[in-house]
Full PDB file with SEQRES, HELIX, SHEET, SSBOND, CRYST1, ORIGX, SCALE, CONECT and MASTER records, all heavy atoms in Angstrom:
SEQRES   1 A   29  ASN LEU LEU ARG ALA GLY VAL PRO LEU MET VAL TRP ASN          
SEQRES   2 A   29  ARG THR PRO GLU LYS THR GLU PRO LEU ARG GLU ALA GLY          
SEQRES   3 A   29  ALA GLN VAL                                                  
HELIX    1 AA1 PRO A   16  THR A   19  5                                   4    
HELIX    2 AA2 GLU A   20  GLU A   24  1                                   5    
CRYST1    1.000    1.000    1.000  90.00  90.00  90.00 P 1           1          
ORIGX1      1.000000  0.000000  0.000000        0.00000                         
ORIGX2      0.000000  1.000000  0.000000        0.00000                         
ORIGX3      0.000000  0.000000  1.000000        0.00000                         
SCALE1      1.000000  0.000000  0.000000        0.00000                         
SCALE2      0.000000  1.000000  0.000000        0.00000                         
SCALE3      0.000000  0.000000  1.000000        0.00000                         
ATOM      1  N   ASN A   1       1.581  -6.569   5.702  1.00  0.00           N  
ATOM      2  CA  ASN A   1       1.964  -6.850   7.090  1.00  0.00           C  
ATOM      3  C   ASN A   1       2.611  -5.639   7.751  1.00  0.00           C  
ATOM      4  O   ASN A   1       2.411  -5.404   8.952  1.00  0.00           O  
ATOM      5  CB  ASN A   1       2.891  -8.059   7.145  1.00  0.00           C  
ATOM      6  CG  ASN A   1       2.146  -9.372   7.008  1.00  0.00           C  
ATOM      7  OD1 ASN A   1       0.979  -9.471   7.366  1.00  0.00           O  
ATOM      8  ND2 ASN A   1       2.807 -10.387   6.481  1.00  0.00           N  
ATOM      9  N   LEU A   2       3.368  -4.868   6.984  1.00  0.00           N  
ATOM     10  CA  LEU A   2       3.932  -3.633   7.537  1.00  0.00           C  
ATOM     11  C   LEU A   2       2.823  -2.650   7.903  1.00  0.00           C  
ATOM     12  O   LEU A   2       2.844  -2.034   8.980  1.00  0.00           O  
ATOM     13  CB  LEU A   2       4.896  -2.993   6.532  1.00  0.00           C  
ATOM     14  CG  LEU A   2       6.229  -3.682   6.330  1.00  0.00           C  
ATOM     15  CD1 LEU A   2       6.985  -3.043   5.158  1.00  0.00           C  
ATOM     16  CD2 LEU A   2       7.094  -3.611   7.596  1.00  0.00           C  
ATOM     17  N   LEU A   3       1.848  -2.503   7.020  1.00  0.00           N  
ATOM     18  CA  LEU A   3       0.731  -1.602   7.298  1.00  0.00           C  
ATOM     19  C   LEU A   3      -0.042  -2.041   8.541  1.00  0.00           C  
ATOM     20  O   LEU A   3      -0.407  -1.216   9.389  1.00  0.00           O  
ATOM     21  CB  LEU A   3      -0.206  -1.539   6.098  1.00  0.00           C  
ATOM     22  CG  LEU A   3       0.292  -0.731   4.897  1.00  0.00           C  
ATOM     23  CD1 LEU A   3      -0.572  -1.008   3.689  1.00  0.00           C  
ATOM     24  CD2 LEU A   3       0.292   0.769   5.220  1.00  0.00           C  
ATOM     25  N   ARG A   4      -0.298  -3.343   8.659  1.00  0.00           N  
ATOM     26  CA  ARG A   4      -1.038  -3.859   9.816  1.00  0.00           C  
ATOM     27  C   ARG A   4      -0.277  -3.635  11.112  1.00  0.00           C  
ATOM     28  O   ARG A   4      -0.887  -3.552  12.179  1.00  0.00           O  
ATOM     29  CB  ARG A   4      -1.339  -5.336   9.613  1.00  0.00           C  
ATOM     30  CG  ARG A   4      -2.355  -5.604   8.499  1.00  0.00           C  
ATOM     31  CD  ARG A   4      -2.470  -7.076   8.194  1.00  0.00           C  
ATOM     32  NE  ARG A   4      -3.352  -7.309   7.050  1.00  0.00           N  
ATOM     33  CZ  ARG A   4      -3.109  -8.199   6.099  1.00  0.00           C  
ATOM     34  NH1 ARG A   4      -2.010  -8.955   6.148  1.00  0.00           N  
ATOM     35  NH2 ARG A   4      -3.959  -8.357   5.103  1.00  0.00           N  
ATOM     36  N   ALA A   5       1.042  -3.551  11.005  1.00  0.00           N  
ATOM     37  CA  ALA A   5       1.861  -3.302  12.194  1.00  0.00           C  
ATOM     38  C   ALA A   5       1.974  -1.816  12.507  1.00  0.00           C  
ATOM     39  O   ALA A   5       2.664  -1.434  13.456  1.00  0.00           O  
ATOM     40  CB  ALA A   5       3.254  -3.899  12.005  1.00  0.00           C  
ATOM     41  N   GLY A   6       1.306  -0.979  11.719  1.00  0.00           N  
ATOM     42  CA  GLY A   6       1.308   0.455  11.982  1.00  0.00           C  
ATOM     43  C   GLY A   6       2.405   1.228  11.299  1.00  0.00           C  
ATOM     44  O   GLY A   6       2.637   2.396  11.628  1.00  0.00           O  
ATOM     45  N   VAL A   7       3.097   0.610  10.344  1.00  0.00           N  
ATOM     46  CA  VAL A   7       4.156   1.310   9.617  1.00  0.00           C  
ATOM     47  C   VAL A   7       3.517   2.093   8.473  1.00  0.00           C  
ATOM     48  O   VAL A   7       2.897   1.499   7.584  1.00  0.00           O  
ATOM     49  CB  VAL A   7       5.197   0.319   9.051  1.00  0.00           C  
ATOM     50  CG1 VAL A   7       6.260   1.059   8.243  1.00  0.00           C  
ATOM     51  CG2 VAL A   7       5.842  -0.479  10.176  1.00  0.00           C  
ATOM     52  N   PRO A   8       3.636   3.414   8.457  1.00  0.00           N  
ATOM     53  CA  PRO A   8       3.065   4.184   7.351  1.00  0.00           C  
ATOM     54  C   PRO A   8       3.893   3.970   6.087  1.00  0.00           C  
ATOM     55  O   PRO A   8       5.115   4.112   6.101  1.00  0.00           O  
ATOM     56  CB  PRO A   8       3.143   5.633   7.834  1.00  0.00           C  
ATOM     57  CG  PRO A   8       4.262   5.634   8.829  1.00  0.00           C  
ATOM     58  CD  PRO A   8       4.288   4.279   9.462  1.00  0.00           C  
ATOM     59  N   LEU A   9       3.223   3.625   4.996  1.00  0.00           N  
ATOM     60  CA  LEU A   9       3.931   3.277   3.767  1.00  0.00           C  
ATOM     61  C   LEU A   9       3.498   4.143   2.600  1.00  0.00           C  
ATOM     62  O   LEU A   9       2.337   4.507   2.478  1.00  0.00           O  
ATOM     63  CB  LEU A   9       3.647   1.819   3.374  1.00  0.00           C  
ATOM     64  CG  LEU A   9       4.339   0.673   4.106  1.00  0.00           C  
ATOM     65  CD1 LEU A   9       3.954  -0.644   3.426  1.00  0.00           C  
ATOM     66  CD2 LEU A   9       5.836   0.841   4.125  1.00  0.00           C  
ATOM     67  N   MET A  10       4.462   4.429   1.745  1.00  0.00           N  
ATOM     68  CA  MET A  10       4.175   4.893   0.395  1.00  0.00           C  
ATOM     69  C   MET A  10       4.628   3.778  -0.536  1.00  0.00           C  
ATOM     70  O   MET A  10       5.767   3.325  -0.457  1.00  0.00           O  
ATOM     71  CB  MET A  10       4.890   6.196   0.065  1.00  0.00           C  
ATOM     72  CG  MET A  10       4.688   6.621  -1.399  1.00  0.00           C  
ATOM     73  SD  MET A  10       5.423   8.234  -1.768  1.00  0.00           S  
ATOM     74  CE  MET A  10       4.108   9.314  -1.202  1.00  0.00           C  
ATOM     75  N   VAL A  11       3.732   3.312  -1.407  1.00  0.00           N  
ATOM     76  CA  VAL A  11       4.035   2.151  -2.241  1.00  0.00           C  
ATOM     77  C   VAL A  11       4.000   2.523  -3.716  1.00  0.00           C  
ATOM     78  O   VAL A  11       3.362   3.497  -4.136  1.00  0.00           O  
ATOM     79  CB  VAL A  11       3.043   0.996  -1.972  1.00  0.00           C  
ATOM     80  CG1 VAL A  11       3.078   0.595  -0.510  1.00  0.00           C  
ATOM     81  CG2 VAL A  11       1.618   1.373  -2.392  1.00  0.00           C  
ATOM     82  N   TRP A  12       4.697   1.694  -4.496  1.00  0.00           N  
ATOM     83  CA  TRP A  12       4.705   1.855  -5.951  1.00  0.00           C  
ATOM     84  C   TRP A  12       4.847   0.488  -6.584  1.00  0.00           C  
ATOM     85  O   TRP A  12       5.537  -0.396  -6.051  1.00  0.00           O  
ATOM     86  CB  TRP A  12       5.869   2.737  -6.395  1.00  0.00           C  
ATOM     87  CG  TRP A  12       6.039   2.792  -7.898  1.00  0.00           C  
ATOM     88  CD1 TRP A  12       5.372   3.591  -8.776  1.00  0.00           C  
ATOM     89  CD2 TRP A  12       6.931   1.994  -8.686  1.00  0.00           C  
ATOM     90  NE1 TRP A  12       5.780   3.350 -10.067  1.00  0.00           N  
ATOM     91  CE2 TRP A  12       6.751   2.368 -10.039  1.00  0.00           C  
ATOM     92  CE3 TRP A  12       7.864   1.000  -8.382  1.00  0.00           C  
ATOM     93  CZ2 TRP A  12       7.469   1.788 -11.080  1.00  0.00           C  
ATOM     94  CZ3 TRP A  12       8.575   0.408  -9.411  1.00  0.00           C  
ATOM     95  CH2 TRP A  12       8.382   0.804 -10.746  1.00  0.00           C  
ATOM     96  N   ASN A  13       4.184   0.315  -7.726  1.00  0.00           N  
ATOM     97  CA  ASN A  13       4.303  -0.923  -8.485  1.00  0.00           C  
ATOM     98  C   ASN A  13       4.214  -0.592  -9.965  1.00  0.00           C  
ATOM     99  O   ASN A  13       3.491   0.326 -10.371  1.00  0.00           O  
ATOM    100  CB  ASN A  13       3.190  -1.900  -8.100  1.00  0.00           C  
ATOM    101  CG  ASN A  13       3.456  -3.294  -8.628  1.00  0.00           C  
ATOM    102  OD1 ASN A  13       4.355  -3.984  -8.161  1.00  0.00           O  
ATOM    103  ND2 ASN A  13       2.680  -3.722  -9.621  1.00  0.00           N  
ATOM    104  N   ARG A  14       4.956  -1.352 -10.774  1.00  0.00           N  
ATOM    105  CA  ARG A  14       4.937  -1.083 -12.214  1.00  0.00           C  
ATOM    106  C   ARG A  14       3.542  -1.288 -12.806  1.00  0.00           C  
ATOM    107  O   ARG A  14       3.168  -0.605 -13.758  1.00  0.00           O  
ATOM    108  CB  ARG A  14       5.938  -1.998 -12.934  1.00  0.00           C  
ATOM    109  CG  ARG A  14       7.386  -1.594 -12.715  1.00  0.00           C  
ATOM    110  CD  ARG A  14       8.320  -2.510 -13.478  1.00  0.00           C  
ATOM    111  NE  ARG A  14       8.263  -3.882 -12.978  1.00  0.00           N  
ATOM    112  CZ  ARG A  14       8.885  -4.915 -13.555  1.00  0.00           C  
ATOM    113  NH1 ARG A  14       9.573  -4.729 -14.656  1.00  0.00           N  
ATOM    114  NH2 ARG A  14       8.807  -6.115 -13.028  1.00  0.00           N  
ATOM    115  N   THR A  15       2.785  -2.240 -12.249  1.00  0.00           N  
ATOM    116  CA  THR A  15       1.397  -2.451 -12.672  1.00  0.00           C  
ATOM    117  C   THR A  15       0.497  -1.759 -11.655  1.00  0.00           C  
ATOM    118  O   THR A  15       0.296  -2.270 -10.552  1.00  0.00           O  
ATOM    119  CB  THR A  15       1.072  -3.951 -12.732  1.00  0.00           C  
ATOM    120  OG1 THR A  15       2.067  -4.622 -13.509  1.00  0.00           O  
ATOM    121  CG2 THR A  15      -0.296  -4.183 -13.340  1.00  0.00           C  
ATOM    122  N   PRO A  16      -0.059  -0.595 -11.979  1.00  0.00           N  
ATOM    123  CA  PRO A  16      -0.754   0.229 -10.975  1.00  0.00           C  
ATOM    124  C   PRO A  16      -1.912  -0.460 -10.274  1.00  0.00           C  
ATOM    125  O   PRO A  16      -2.152  -0.226  -9.087  1.00  0.00           O  
ATOM    126  CB  PRO A  16      -1.236   1.441 -11.778  1.00  0.00           C  
ATOM    127  CG  PRO A  16      -0.295   1.523 -12.939  1.00  0.00           C  
ATOM    128  CD  PRO A  16       0.035   0.106 -13.278  1.00  0.00           C  
ATOM    129  N   GLU A  17      -2.657  -1.346 -10.986  1.00  0.00           N  
ATOM    130  CA  GLU A  17      -3.831  -1.948 -10.348  1.00  0.00           C  
ATOM    131  C   GLU A  17      -3.467  -2.803  -9.141  1.00  0.00           C  
ATOM    132  O   GLU A  17      -4.301  -3.032  -8.260  1.00  0.00           O  
ATOM    133  CB  GLU A  17      -4.636  -2.768 -11.361  1.00  0.00           C  
ATOM    134  CG  GLU A  17      -3.866  -3.841 -12.081  1.00  0.00           C  
ATOM    135  CD  GLU A  17      -3.355  -3.376 -13.442  1.00  0.00           C  
ATOM    136  OE1 GLU A  17      -3.142  -2.155 -13.613  1.00  0.00           O  
ATOM    137  OE2 GLU A  17      -3.185  -4.246 -14.322  1.00  0.00           O  
ATOM    138  N   LYS A  18      -2.238  -3.272  -9.075  1.00  0.00           N  
ATOM    139  CA  LYS A  18      -1.834  -4.090  -7.936  1.00  0.00           C  
ATOM    140  C   LYS A  18      -1.647  -3.276  -6.655  1.00  0.00           C  
ATOM    141  O   LYS A  18      -1.465  -3.831  -5.581  1.00  0.00           O  
ATOM    142  CB  LYS A  18      -0.548  -4.849  -8.255  1.00  0.00           C  
ATOM    143  CG  LYS A  18      -0.738  -5.951  -9.287  1.00  0.00           C  
ATOM    144  CD  LYS A  18       0.516  -6.781  -9.466  1.00  0.00           C  
ATOM    145  CE  LYS A  18       0.290  -7.911 -10.448  1.00  0.00           C  
ATOM    146  NZ  LYS A  18       1.504  -8.754 -10.628  1.00  0.00           N  
ATOM    147  N   THR A  19      -1.703  -1.952  -6.777  1.00  0.00           N  
ATOM    148  CA  THR A  19      -1.568  -1.109  -5.588  1.00  0.00           C  
ATOM    149  C   THR A  19      -2.880  -0.943  -4.833  1.00  0.00           C  
ATOM    150  O   THR A  19      -2.882  -0.486  -3.686  1.00  0.00           O  
ATOM    151  CB  THR A  19      -1.046   0.290  -5.961  1.00  0.00           C  
ATOM    152  OG1 THR A  19      -2.004   0.946  -6.806  1.00  0.00           O  
ATOM    153  CG2 THR A  19       0.295   0.207  -6.677  1.00  0.00           C  
ATOM    154  N   GLU A  20      -4.015  -1.314  -5.452  1.00  0.00           N  
ATOM    155  CA  GLU A  20      -5.312  -1.031  -4.841  1.00  0.00           C  
ATOM    156  C   GLU A  20      -5.505  -1.678  -3.464  1.00  0.00           C  
ATOM    157  O   GLU A  20      -6.002  -1.022  -2.540  1.00  0.00           O  
ATOM    158  CB  GLU A  20      -6.445  -1.418  -5.780  1.00  0.00           C  
ATOM    159  CG  GLU A  20      -6.609  -0.463  -6.944  1.00  0.00           C  
ATOM    160  CD  GLU A  20      -6.694   0.994  -6.485  1.00  0.00           C  
ATOM    161  OE1 GLU A  20      -7.538   1.296  -5.618  1.00  0.00           O  
ATOM    162  OE2 GLU A  20      -5.898   1.809  -6.978  1.00  0.00           O  
ATOM    163  N   PRO A  21      -5.133  -2.966  -3.249  1.00  0.00           N  
ATOM    164  CA  PRO A  21      -5.281  -3.528  -1.899  1.00  0.00           C  
ATOM    165  C   PRO A  21      -4.475  -2.760  -0.856  1.00  0.00           C  
ATOM    166  O   PRO A  21      -4.883  -2.665   0.304  1.00  0.00           O  
ATOM    167  CB  PRO A  21      -4.752  -4.962  -2.055  1.00  0.00           C  
ATOM    168  CG  PRO A  21      -4.931  -5.271  -3.505  1.00  0.00           C  
ATOM    169  CD  PRO A  21      -4.673  -3.979  -4.214  1.00  0.00           C  
ATOM    170  N   LEU A  22      -3.342  -2.191  -1.271  1.00  0.00           N  
ATOM    171  CA  LEU A  22      -2.536  -1.407  -0.332  1.00  0.00           C  
ATOM    172  C   LEU A  22      -3.181  -0.061  -0.049  1.00  0.00           C  
ATOM    173  O   LEU A  22      -3.182   0.410   1.094  1.00  0.00           O  
ATOM    174  CB  LEU A  22      -1.119  -1.218  -0.899  1.00  0.00           C  
ATOM    175  CG  LEU A  22      -0.127  -2.373  -0.739  1.00  0.00           C  
ATOM    176  CD1 LEU A  22       0.128  -2.660   0.727  1.00  0.00           C  
ATOM    177  CD2 LEU A  22      -0.552  -3.615  -1.480  1.00  0.00           C  
ATOM    178  N   ARG A  23      -3.740   0.562  -1.083  1.00  0.00           N  
ATOM    179  CA  ARG A  23      -4.455   1.829  -0.873  1.00  0.00           C  
ATOM    180  C   ARG A  23      -5.614   1.625   0.101  1.00  0.00           C  
ATOM    181  O   ARG A  23      -5.830   2.420   1.007  1.00  0.00           O  
ATOM    182  CB  ARG A  23      -4.969   2.368  -2.207  1.00  0.00           C  
ATOM    183  CG  ARG A  23      -5.538   3.785  -2.123  1.00  0.00           C  
ATOM    184  CD  ARG A  23      -6.344   4.134  -3.356  1.00  0.00           C  
ATOM    185  NE  ARG A  23      -5.590   3.991  -4.586  1.00  0.00           N  
ATOM    186  CZ  ARG A  23      -4.815   4.953  -5.095  1.00  0.00           C  
ATOM    187  NH1 ARG A  23      -4.674   6.104  -4.460  1.00  0.00           N  
ATOM    188  NH2 ARG A  23      -4.182   4.751  -6.247  1.00  0.00           N  
ATOM    189  N   GLU A  24      -6.362   0.529  -0.120  1.00  0.00           N  
ATOM    190  CA  GLU A  24      -7.503   0.240   0.752  1.00  0.00           C  
ATOM    191  C   GLU A  24      -7.063  -0.018   2.187  1.00  0.00           C  
ATOM    192  O   GLU A  24      -7.818   0.248   3.133  1.00  0.00           O  
ATOM    193  CB  GLU A  24      -8.265  -0.966   0.210  1.00  0.00           C  
ATOM    194  CG  GLU A  24      -8.958  -0.702  -1.121  1.00  0.00           C  
ATOM    195  CD  GLU A  24      -9.509  -1.964  -1.747  1.00  0.00           C  
ATOM    196  OE1 GLU A  24      -9.420  -3.038  -1.094  1.00  0.00           O  
ATOM    197  OE2 GLU A  24     -10.026  -1.887  -2.874  1.00  0.00           O  
ATOM    198  N   ALA A  25      -5.834  -0.528   2.359  1.00  0.00           N  
ATOM    199  CA  ALA A  25      -5.319  -0.812   3.706  1.00  0.00           C  
ATOM    200  C   ALA A  25      -4.682   0.408   4.361  1.00  0.00           C  
ATOM    201  O   ALA A  25      -4.258   0.332   5.516  1.00  0.00           O  
ATOM    202  CB  ALA A  25      -4.304  -1.949   3.651  1.00  0.00           C  
ATOM    203  N   GLY A  26      -4.608   1.529   3.618  1.00  0.00           N  
ATOM    204  CA  GLY A  26      -4.118   2.756   4.221  1.00  0.00           C  
ATOM    205  C   GLY A  26      -2.806   3.284   3.698  1.00  0.00           C  
ATOM    206  O   GLY A  26      -2.302   4.309   4.180  1.00  0.00           O  
ATOM    207  N   ALA A  27      -2.222   2.620   2.703  1.00  0.00           N  
ATOM    208  CA  ALA A  27      -0.960   3.114   2.149  1.00  0.00           C  
ATOM    209  C   ALA A  27      -1.203   4.289   1.219  1.00  0.00           C  
ATOM    210  O   ALA A  27      -2.255   4.398   0.592  1.00  0.00           O  
ATOM    211  CB  ALA A  27      -0.247   1.999   1.393  1.00  0.00           C  
ATOM    212  N   GLN A  28      -0.218   5.153   1.114  1.00  0.00           N  
ATOM    213  CA  GLN A  28      -0.226   6.151   0.063  1.00  0.00           C  
ATOM    214  C   GLN A  28       0.365   5.511  -1.179  1.00  0.00           C  
ATOM    215  O   GLN A  28       1.332   4.756  -1.101  1.00  0.00           O  
ATOM    216  CB  GLN A  28       0.590   7.374   0.462  1.00  0.00           C  
ATOM    217  CG  GLN A  28      -0.029   8.174   1.601  1.00  0.00           C  
ATOM    218  CD  GLN A  28       0.636   9.525   1.758  1.00  0.00           C  
ATOM    219  OE1 GLN A  28       1.012  10.154   0.775  1.00  0.00           O  
ATOM    220  NE2 GLN A  28       0.788   9.964   2.998  1.00  0.00           N  
ATOM    221  N   VAL A  29      -0.210   5.783  -2.328  1.00  0.00           N  
ATOM    222  CA  VAL A  29       0.235   5.184  -3.583  1.00  0.00           C  
ATOM    223  C   VAL A  29       0.917   6.254  -4.418  1.00  0.00           C  
ATOM    224  O   VAL A  29       0.345   7.319  -4.678  1.00  0.00           O  
ATOM    225  CB  VAL A  29      -0.947   4.567  -4.352  1.00  0.00           C  
ATOM    226  CG1 VAL A  29      -0.489   4.053  -5.719  1.00  0.00           C  
ATOM    227  CG2 VAL A  29      -1.570   3.439  -3.537  1.00  0.00           C  
TER     228      VAL A  29                                                      
MASTER        0    0    0    2    0    0    0    6  227    1    0    3          
END                                                                             
């Protein structure tokens, strides 16, 4: 929802595969 609102994000998760939907939505991982 932050990404959809135009907030540029860098994300991290302990389980890396869970970051893929965020990468596809434009986040830096």
